[in-house]
Amino acid sequence: MAVSFQDFKKLEFRIAEIKEVSDHPNADKLYVLKVDAGGEERQMVAGLKPYMPPEKLLGKKVVIVANLEPATLRGVESNGMLLAAQDGDHVTIVVPDEDVAPGSIVM
């Protein structure tokens, strides 16, 4: 399915810093993340638990989709989506290659 450029432009990608990682209370494969999205703390749910320990995520600056509608995943609200790449069984998070401030716009 092709997405028009007009629809793609509606997405807002930003840098966020992961400040806290905890186990989801109702799901074995999910983490609950607290992130700084540029002076705004957000809670996000991410299905990364089978692929990386919390200490690999904590303190990382990552790319998020900031303007998704909130979604409730197994009873916990998620306000954004962290971007990751999967190659077979290997999963890695998408990070900026230089240090940039939380809240920075990804162009």
N, C-alpha and C. Protein backbone atom coordinates (compact mmCIF):
# COMPACT_ATOMS: atom_id res chain seq x y z
N MET A 1 0.84 -1.18 0.00
CA MET A 1 0.00 0.00 0.00
C MET A 1 0.89 1.25 0.00
N ALA A 2 0.70 2.09 -0.95
CA ALA A 2 1.46 3.33 -1.04
C ALA A 2 0.82 4.42 -0.18
N VAL A 3 1.65 5.22 0.44
CA VAL A 3 1.20 6.35 1.24
C VAL A 3 1.55 7.62 0.47
N SER A 4 0.60 8.50 0.36
CA SER A 4 0.88 9.75 -0.37
C SER A 4 1.85 10.62 0.42
N PHE A 5 2.56 11.47 -0.28
CA PHE A 5 3.48 12.39 0.37
C PHE A 5 2.72 13.30 1.33
N GLN A 6 1.51 13.68 0.97
CA GLN A 6 0.69 14.53 1.84
C GLN A 6 0.41 13.82 3.17
N ASP A 7 0.12 12.53 3.12
CA ASP A 7 -0.12 11.77 4.35
C ASP A 7 1.17 11.61 5.15
N PHE A 8 2.28 11.34 4.47
CA PHE A 8 3.57 11.20 5.16
C PHE A 8 3.93 12.48 5.91
N LYS A 9 3.67 13.64 5.31
CA LYS A 9 4.00 14.92 5.94
C LYS A 9 3.23 15.16 7.23
N LYS A 10 2.16 14.41 7.45
CA LYS A 10 1.37 14.56 8.67
C LYS A 10 2.08 13.97 9.89
N LEU A 11 3.02 13.05 9.65
CA LEU A 11 3.74 12.42 10.76
C LEU A 11 4.79 13.36 11.32
N GLU A 12 4.92 13.37 12.64
CA GLU A 12 5.90 14.22 13.32
C GLU A 12 6.91 13.33 14.02
N PHE A 13 8.14 13.31 13.48
CA PHE A 13 9.22 12.54 14.06
C PHE A 13 10.07 13.46 14.92
N ARG A 14 10.36 13.03 16.15
CA ARG A 14 11.15 13.83 17.08
C ARG A 14 12.15 12.94 17.80
N ILE A 15 13.13 13.60 18.40
CA ILE A 15 14.09 12.90 19.25
C ILE A 15 13.54 12.91 20.68
N ALA A 16 13.64 11.77 21.34
CA ALA A 16 13.23 11.66 22.75
C ALA A 16 14.33 10.91 23.50
N GLU A 17 14.51 11.25 24.77
CA GLU A 17 15.48 10.55 25.61
C GLU A 17 14.74 9.65 26.58
N ILE A 18 15.13 8.39 26.62
CA ILE A 18 14.49 7.43 27.52
C ILE A 18 15.00 7.65 28.93
N LYS A 19 14.11 8.00 29.83
CA LYS A 19 14.45 8.32 31.21
C LYS A 19 14.16 7.18 32.18
N GLU A 20 13.21 6.30 31.82
CA GLU A 20 12.83 5.22 32.72
C GLU A 20 12.31 4.05 31.88
N VAL A 21 12.67 2.85 32.29
CA VAL A 21 12.20 1.63 31.63
C VAL A 21 11.68 0.70 32.72
N SER A 22 10.43 0.26 32.58
CA SER A 22 9.88 -0.70 33.54
C SER A 22 9.10 -1.78 32.80
N ASP A 23 8.94 -2.90 33.48
CA ASP A 23 8.16 -3.99 32.90
C ASP A 23 6.69 -3.60 32.84
N HIS A 24 6.04 -3.98 31.76
CA HIS A 24 4.59 -3.78 31.64
C HIS A 24 3.92 -4.71 32.65
N PRO A 25 2.93 -4.22 33.39
CA PRO A 25 2.33 -5.07 34.43
C PRO A 25 1.47 -6.21 33.88
N ASN A 26 1.06 -6.13 32.61
CA ASN A 26 0.14 -7.13 32.07
C ASN A 26 0.63 -7.79 30.79
N ALA A 27 1.93 -7.68 30.48
CA ALA A 27 2.43 -8.26 29.23
C ALA A 27 3.90 -8.66 29.40
N ASP A 28 4.24 -9.85 28.95
CA ASP A 28 5.60 -10.36 29.09
C ASP A 28 6.60 -9.75 28.13
N LYS A 29 6.14 -9.23 26.99
CA LYS A 29 7.06 -8.76 25.95
C LYS A 29 7.13 -7.24 25.83
N LEU A 30 6.44 -6.54 26.74
CA LEU A 30 6.36 -5.08 26.63
C LEU A 30 7.09 -4.38 27.78
N TYR A 31 7.67 -3.24 27.44
CA TYR A 31 8.20 -2.30 28.43
C TYR A 31 7.29 -1.08 28.46
N VAL A 32 7.26 -0.41 29.60
CA VAL A 32 6.66 0.90 29.72
C VAL A 32 7.81 1.88 29.85
N LEU A 33 7.88 2.83 28.93
CA LEU A 33 8.97 3.81 28.90
C LEU A 33 8.46 5.18 29.30
N LYS A 34 9.28 5.90 30.05
CA LYS A 34 9.05 7.33 30.29
C LYS A 34 10.12 8.04 29.49
N VAL A 35 9.71 8.96 28.63
CA VAL A 35 10.67 9.65 27.78
C VAL A 35 10.52 11.15 27.91
N ASP A 36 11.63 11.85 27.70
CA ASP A 36 11.64 13.31 27.60
C ASP A 36 11.61 13.63 26.12
N ALA A 37 10.51 14.23 25.68
CA ALA A 37 10.35 14.58 24.27
C ALA A 37 10.53 16.08 24.08
N GLY A 38 11.44 16.68 24.84
CA GLY A 38 11.72 18.10 24.71
C GLY A 38 10.91 18.92 25.70
N GLY A 39 11.14 18.67 26.98
CA GLY A 39 10.41 19.40 28.01
C GLY A 39 9.03 18.82 28.28
N GLU A 40 8.70 17.77 27.60
CA GLU A 40 7.41 17.10 27.76
C GLU A 40 7.66 15.63 28.05
N GLU A 41 7.25 15.17 29.24
CA GLU A 41 7.41 13.76 29.57
C GLU A 41 6.24 12.98 28.98
N ARG A 42 6.57 11.87 28.36
CA ARG A 42 5.56 11.00 27.77
C ARG A 42 5.76 9.57 28.27
N GLN A 43 4.66 8.85 28.25
CA GLN A 43 4.71 7.42 28.53
C GLN A 43 4.47 6.69 27.22
N MET A 44 5.30 5.71 26.93
CA MET A 44 5.13 4.92 25.72
C MET A 44 5.29 3.45 26.07
N VAL A 45 4.60 2.60 25.32
CA VAL A 45 4.73 1.16 25.48
C VAL A 45 5.47 0.63 24.26
N ALA A 46 6.48 -0.19 24.49
CA ALA A 46 7.29 -0.72 23.39
C ALA A 46 7.49 -2.22 23.55
N GLY A 47 7.37 -2.96 22.45
CA GLY A 47 7.53 -4.41 22.46
C GLY A 47 8.96 -4.85 22.26
N LEU A 48 9.86 -4.33 23.08
CA LEU A 48 11.29 -4.59 22.91
C LEU A 48 11.86 -5.57 23.93
N LYS A 49 11.09 -5.98 24.89
CA LYS A 49 11.60 -6.81 25.99
C LYS A 49 12.29 -8.09 25.52
N PRO A 50 11.78 -8.79 24.49
CA PRO A 50 12.47 -10.01 24.06
C PRO A 50 13.82 -9.74 23.38
N TYR A 51 14.09 -8.49 23.03
CA TYR A 51 15.26 -8.18 22.21
C TYR A 51 16.38 -7.44 22.94
N MET A 52 16.06 -6.75 24.03
CA MET A 52 17.10 -6.00 24.73
C MET A 52 16.73 -5.75 26.18
N PRO A 53 17.75 -5.73 27.03
CA PRO A 53 17.51 -5.46 28.45
C PRO A 53 17.25 -3.97 28.67
N PRO A 54 16.63 -3.64 29.79
CA PRO A 54 16.31 -2.23 30.07
C PRO A 54 17.53 -1.31 30.04
N GLU A 55 18.68 -1.81 30.54
CA GLU A 55 19.86 -0.94 30.60
C GLU A 55 20.37 -0.53 29.22
N LYS A 56 20.03 -1.28 28.18
CA LYS A 56 20.42 -0.90 26.82
C LYS A 56 19.57 0.27 26.31
N LEU A 57 18.39 0.44 26.87
CA LEU A 57 17.48 1.51 26.45
C LEU A 57 17.65 2.78 27.30
N LEU A 58 17.91 2.60 28.57
CA LEU A 58 17.95 3.72 29.51
C LEU A 58 19.00 4.75 29.10
N GLY A 59 18.57 6.00 28.98
CA GLY A 59 19.48 7.09 28.62
C GLY A 59 19.66 7.29 27.13
N LYS A 60 19.15 6.39 26.31
CA LYS A 60 19.30 6.51 24.85
C LYS A 60 18.42 7.63 24.31
N LYS A 61 18.93 8.30 23.29
CA LYS A 61 18.12 9.23 22.51
C LYS A 61 17.64 8.47 21.29
N VAL A 62 16.33 8.48 21.08
CA VAL A 62 15.71 7.66 20.05
C VAL A 62 14.80 8.52 19.19
N VAL A 63 14.40 7.96 18.06
CA VAL A 63 13.44 8.62 17.18
C VAL A 63 12.06 8.09 17.52
N ILE A 64 11.11 9.03 17.71
CA ILE A 64 9.73 8.63 17.98
C ILE A 64 8.79 9.30 16.98
N VAL A 65 7.64 8.68 16.80
CA VAL A 65 6.53 9.32 16.10
C VAL A 65 5.73 10.00 17.21
N ALA A 66 5.75 11.33 17.22
CA ALA A 66 5.23 12.08 18.36
C ALA A 66 3.74 12.39 18.27
N ASN A 67 3.17 12.33 17.08
CA ASN A 67 1.79 12.79 16.96
C ASN A 67 0.80 11.66 16.66
N LEU A 68 1.10 10.45 17.09
CA LEU A 68 0.12 9.37 16.98
C LEU A 68 -0.97 9.57 18.02
N GLU A 69 -2.16 9.11 17.70
CA GLU A 69 -3.21 9.12 18.70
C GLU A 69 -2.80 8.18 19.83
N PRO A 70 -3.13 8.51 21.06
CA PRO A 70 -2.82 7.60 22.17
C PRO A 70 -3.48 6.24 21.93
N ALA A 71 -2.78 5.19 22.34
CA ALA A 71 -3.31 3.83 22.23
C ALA A 71 -3.14 3.14 23.58
N THR A 72 -4.08 2.31 23.93
CA THR A 72 -3.98 1.54 25.17
C THR A 72 -3.56 0.12 24.83
N LEU A 73 -2.40 -0.28 25.34
CA LEU A 73 -1.84 -1.60 25.08
C LEU A 73 -1.85 -2.42 26.36
N ARG A 74 -2.70 -3.41 26.40
CA ARG A 74 -2.84 -4.28 27.57
C ARG A 74 -3.09 -3.47 28.85
N GLY A 75 -3.89 -2.40 28.72
CA GLY A 75 -4.29 -1.62 29.88
C GLY A 75 -3.41 -0.44 30.21
N VAL A 76 -2.35 -0.19 29.44
CA VAL A 76 -1.45 0.93 29.70
C VAL A 76 -1.45 1.86 28.48
N GLU A 77 -1.66 3.15 28.72
CA GLU A 77 -1.71 4.11 27.63
C GLU A 77 -0.31 4.40 27.08
N SER A 78 -0.23 4.45 25.76
CA SER A 78 1.02 4.78 25.07
C SER A 78 0.80 6.04 24.25
N ASN A 79 1.72 7.00 24.41
CA ASN A 79 1.62 8.30 23.74
C ASN A 79 2.80 8.51 22.82
N GLY A 80 2.84 7.75 21.75
CA GLY A 80 3.93 7.85 20.78
C GLY A 80 4.42 6.47 20.42
N MET A 81 5.33 6.42 19.46
CA MET A 81 5.90 5.15 19.03
C MET A 81 7.39 5.33 18.79
N LEU A 82 8.17 4.46 19.39
CA LEU A 82 9.61 4.44 19.20
C LEU A 82 9.90 3.67 17.91
N LEU A 83 10.84 4.16 17.11
CA LEU A 83 11.19 3.47 15.87
C LEU A 83 12.32 2.48 16.11
N ALA A 84 12.19 1.31 15.52
CA ALA A 84 13.19 0.26 15.62
C ALA A 84 13.25 -0.46 14.28
N ALA A 85 14.34 -1.18 14.06
CA ALA A 85 14.51 -1.97 12.84
C ALA A 85 14.71 -3.42 13.23
N GLN A 86 14.15 -4.32 12.42
CA GLN A 86 14.28 -5.75 12.69
C GLN A 86 14.90 -6.43 11.47
N ASP A 87 15.93 -7.23 11.74
CA ASP A 87 16.60 -8.04 10.72
C ASP A 87 16.63 -9.46 11.24
N GLY A 88 15.66 -10.26 10.84
CA GLY A 88 15.54 -11.61 11.40
C GLY A 88 15.22 -11.53 12.87
N ASP A 89 16.06 -12.13 13.71
CA ASP A 89 15.86 -12.10 15.16
C ASP A 89 16.50 -10.89 15.83
N HIS A 90 17.26 -10.12 15.06
CA HIS A 90 17.96 -8.96 15.62
C HIS A 90 17.09 -7.70 15.51
N VAL A 91 16.94 -6.99 16.62
CA VAL A 91 16.20 -5.74 16.65
C VAL A 91 17.10 -4.67 17.21
N THR A 92 17.09 -3.50 16.58
CA THR A 92 17.87 -2.36 17.05
C THR A 92 16.99 -1.12 17.01
N ILE A 93 17.24 -0.20 17.92
CA ILE A 93 16.46 1.04 17.95
C ILE A 93 17.09 2.06 17.01
N VAL A 94 16.26 2.95 16.48
CA VAL A 94 16.73 3.99 15.59
C VAL A 94 17.17 5.18 16.46
N VAL A 95 18.45 5.56 16.31
CA VAL A 95 19.03 6.63 17.12
C VAL A 95 19.71 7.65 16.21
N PRO A 96 19.81 8.91 16.65
CA PRO A 96 20.57 9.89 15.87
C PRO A 96 22.06 9.57 15.94
N ASP A 97 22.80 9.91 14.89
CA ASP A 97 24.24 9.60 14.89
C ASP A 97 25.06 10.66 15.58
N GLU A 98 24.45 11.76 16.00
CA GLU A 98 25.11 12.79 16.79
C GLU A 98 24.20 13.16 17.94
N ASP A 99 24.77 13.79 18.97
CA ASP A 99 24.00 14.19 20.13
C ASP A 99 23.13 15.40 19.77
N VAL A 100 21.82 15.25 19.90
CA VAL A 100 20.88 16.35 19.68
C VAL A 100 19.93 16.39 20.85
N ALA A 101 19.32 17.53 21.07
CA ALA A 101 18.46 17.73 22.22
C ALA A 101 17.13 16.99 22.07
N PRO A 102 16.60 16.49 23.19
CA PRO A 102 15.26 15.93 23.14
C PRO A 102 14.27 16.97 22.61
N GLY A 103 13.33 16.53 21.80
CA GLY A 103 12.37 17.43 21.18
C GLY A 103 12.78 17.89 19.79
N SER A 104 14.05 17.65 19.41
CA SER A 104 14.50 18.05 18.08
C SER A 104 13.64 17.36 17.02
N ILE A 105 13.35 18.08 15.96
CA ILE A 105 12.53 17.56 14.87
C ILE A 105 13.41 16.74 13.94
N VAL A 106 12.94 15.58 13.54
CA VAL A 106 13.61 14.74 12.56
C VAL A 106 13.03 15.12 11.21
N MET A 107 13.92 15.53 10.31
CA MET A 107 13.47 16.02 8.99
C MET A 107 13.69 14.98 7.92
